[in-house]
Amino acid sequence: MASKEQKIDLKKMRNSAEAACRLMKALNHRDRLMLLCEISQGEKCVGELEEILDIHQPMLSQHLTGLRTAKLVKTRREGKQIYYSLGSESALAVIEVLYQQFCQK
């Protein structure tokens, strides 16, 4: 919520609402949120994500494809491995707020 000194510019918010909603939609599933949290800690390959988060194929691929389509993650190929890294500073900022609000209490 905006402080007394900082008012929300509703025109700017209206113009940015669609992008904000796309980010929130991507984060509204536990597995996608956890994938982004894990990837925010450093680049990971699919096998590492599957093992760490216990999300199995094909669901893992579907979530990663959705995150990539939303431009929240970037990919890098090395041989047969595909590595994922965070592709959105906005996603990182939201993850940090969620962590502060729900994990540091």
Protein backbone atom coordinates (compact mmCIF):
# COMPACT_ATOMS: atom_id res chain seq x y z
CA MET A 1 0.00 0.00 0.00
CA ALA A 2 1.27 3.47 -0.83
CA SER A 3 2.40 5.64 2.05
CA LYS A 4 0.91 9.10 2.66
CA GLU A 5 3.89 10.66 0.87
CA GLN A 6 3.61 8.32 -2.13
CA LYS A 7 0.27 8.24 -3.94
CA ILE A 8 -0.50 5.58 -6.52
CA ASP A 9 -0.66 7.01 -10.04
CA LEU A 10 -3.82 5.25 -11.20
CA LYS A 11 -3.22 6.11 -14.86
CA LYS A 12 0.18 4.38 -14.74
CA MET A 13 -1.35 1.43 -12.89
CA ARG A 14 -4.12 1.13 -15.47
CA ASN A 15 -1.50 1.06 -18.23
CA SER A 16 0.55 -1.58 -16.37
CA ALA A 17 -2.29 -3.67 -14.94
CA GLU A 18 -2.20 -6.28 -17.72
CA ALA A 19 1.52 -6.99 -17.20
CA ALA A 20 1.01 -7.13 -13.42
CA CYS A 21 -1.89 -9.56 -13.83
CA ARG A 22 0.19 -11.83 -16.10
CA LEU A 23 2.90 -11.99 -13.43
CA MET A 24 0.38 -12.71 -10.67
CA LYS A 25 -1.30 -15.39 -12.81
CA ALA A 26 2.07 -17.11 -13.27
CA LEU A 27 2.68 -17.00 -9.52
CA ASN A 28 -0.77 -18.26 -8.50
CA HIS A 29 0.21 -21.93 -8.67
CA ARG A 30 2.36 -23.42 -5.90
CA ASP A 31 4.67 -25.34 -8.26
CA ARG A 32 5.33 -22.30 -10.48
CA LEU A 33 5.99 -20.14 -7.43
CA MET A 34 8.43 -22.71 -6.05
CA LEU A 35 10.13 -23.05 -9.47
CA LEU A 36 10.69 -19.31 -9.61
CA CYS A 37 11.92 -19.25 -6.01
CA GLU A 38 14.42 -22.03 -6.74
CA ILE A 39 15.58 -20.47 -10.01
CA SER A 40 15.95 -17.08 -8.29
CA GLN A 41 18.71 -18.68 -6.19
CA GLY A 42 20.74 -19.57 -9.29
CA GLU A 43 20.61 -21.28 -12.64
CA LYS A 44 19.27 -24.85 -12.55
CA CYS A 45 18.81 -27.60 -15.12
CA VAL A 46 15.55 -29.52 -15.48
CA GLY A 47 16.89 -32.58 -13.64
CA GLU A 48 17.95 -30.47 -10.66
CA LEU A 49 14.55 -28.77 -10.49
CA GLU A 50 12.76 -32.10 -10.70
CA GLU A 51 14.82 -33.55 -7.86
CA ILE A 52 14.80 -30.50 -5.58
CA LEU A 53 11.10 -29.70 -5.93
CA ASP A 54 9.73 -33.21 -6.54
CA ILE A 55 7.78 -32.02 -9.59
CA HIS A 56 7.74 -34.69 -12.26
CA GLN A 57 7.39 -34.72 -16.04
CA PRO A 58 5.23 -33.71 -17.88
CA MET A 59 3.95 -31.21 -15.29
CA LEU A 60 7.44 -29.75 -14.80
CA SER A 61 7.80 -29.12 -18.54
CA GLN A 62 4.36 -27.50 -18.71
CA HIS A 63 5.17 -25.12 -15.86
CA LEU A 64 8.59 -24.23 -17.26
CA THR A 65 7.11 -23.63 -20.71
CA GLY A 66 4.52 -21.30 -19.21
CA LEU A 67 7.17 -19.40 -17.25
CA ARG A 68 9.34 -19.12 -20.37
CA THR A 69 6.38 -17.92 -22.46
CA ALA A 70 5.64 -15.28 -19.80
CA LYS A 71 9.33 -14.25 -20.03
CA LEU A 72 9.83 -14.94 -16.33
CA VAL A 73 12.67 -17.40 -16.99
CA LYS A 74 15.42 -17.58 -19.59
CA THR A 75 16.95 -20.74 -20.99
CA ARG A 76 20.44 -21.77 -21.99
CA ARG A 77 21.26 -25.04 -23.72
CA GLU A 78 24.46 -26.95 -22.97
CA GLY A 79 24.54 -30.20 -24.91
CA LYS A 80 21.32 -32.03 -24.07
CA GLN A 81 20.74 -30.04 -20.87
CA ILE A 82 18.53 -26.97 -20.70
CA TYR A 83 19.36 -24.54 -17.90
CA TYR A 84 16.86 -22.06 -16.50
CA SER A 85 17.60 -18.69 -14.94
CA LEU A 86 15.39 -15.88 -13.76
CA GLY A 87 14.37 -13.54 -16.57
CA SER A 88 12.33 -10.94 -14.72
CA GLU A 89 13.37 -8.40 -12.13
CA SER A 90 9.67 -7.83 -11.39
CA ALA A 91 9.22 -11.52 -10.55
CA LEU A 92 12.23 -11.37 -8.22
CA ALA A 93 10.82 -8.29 -6.46
CA VAL A 94 7.45 -10.00 -5.92
CA ILE A 95 9.13 -13.19 -4.67
CA GLU A 96 11.15 -11.13 -2.19
CA VAL A 97 8.00 -9.42 -0.88
CA LEU A 98 6.20 -12.78 -0.58
CA TYR A 99 9.19 -14.19 1.31
CA GLN A 100 9.24 -11.20 3.69
CA GLN A 101 5.50 -11.38 4.29
CA PHE A 102 5.08 -15.14 4.68
CA CYS A 103 8.44 -16.65 5.62
CA GLN A 104 10.08 -14.17 7.99
CA LYS A 105 7.32 -14.01 10.59
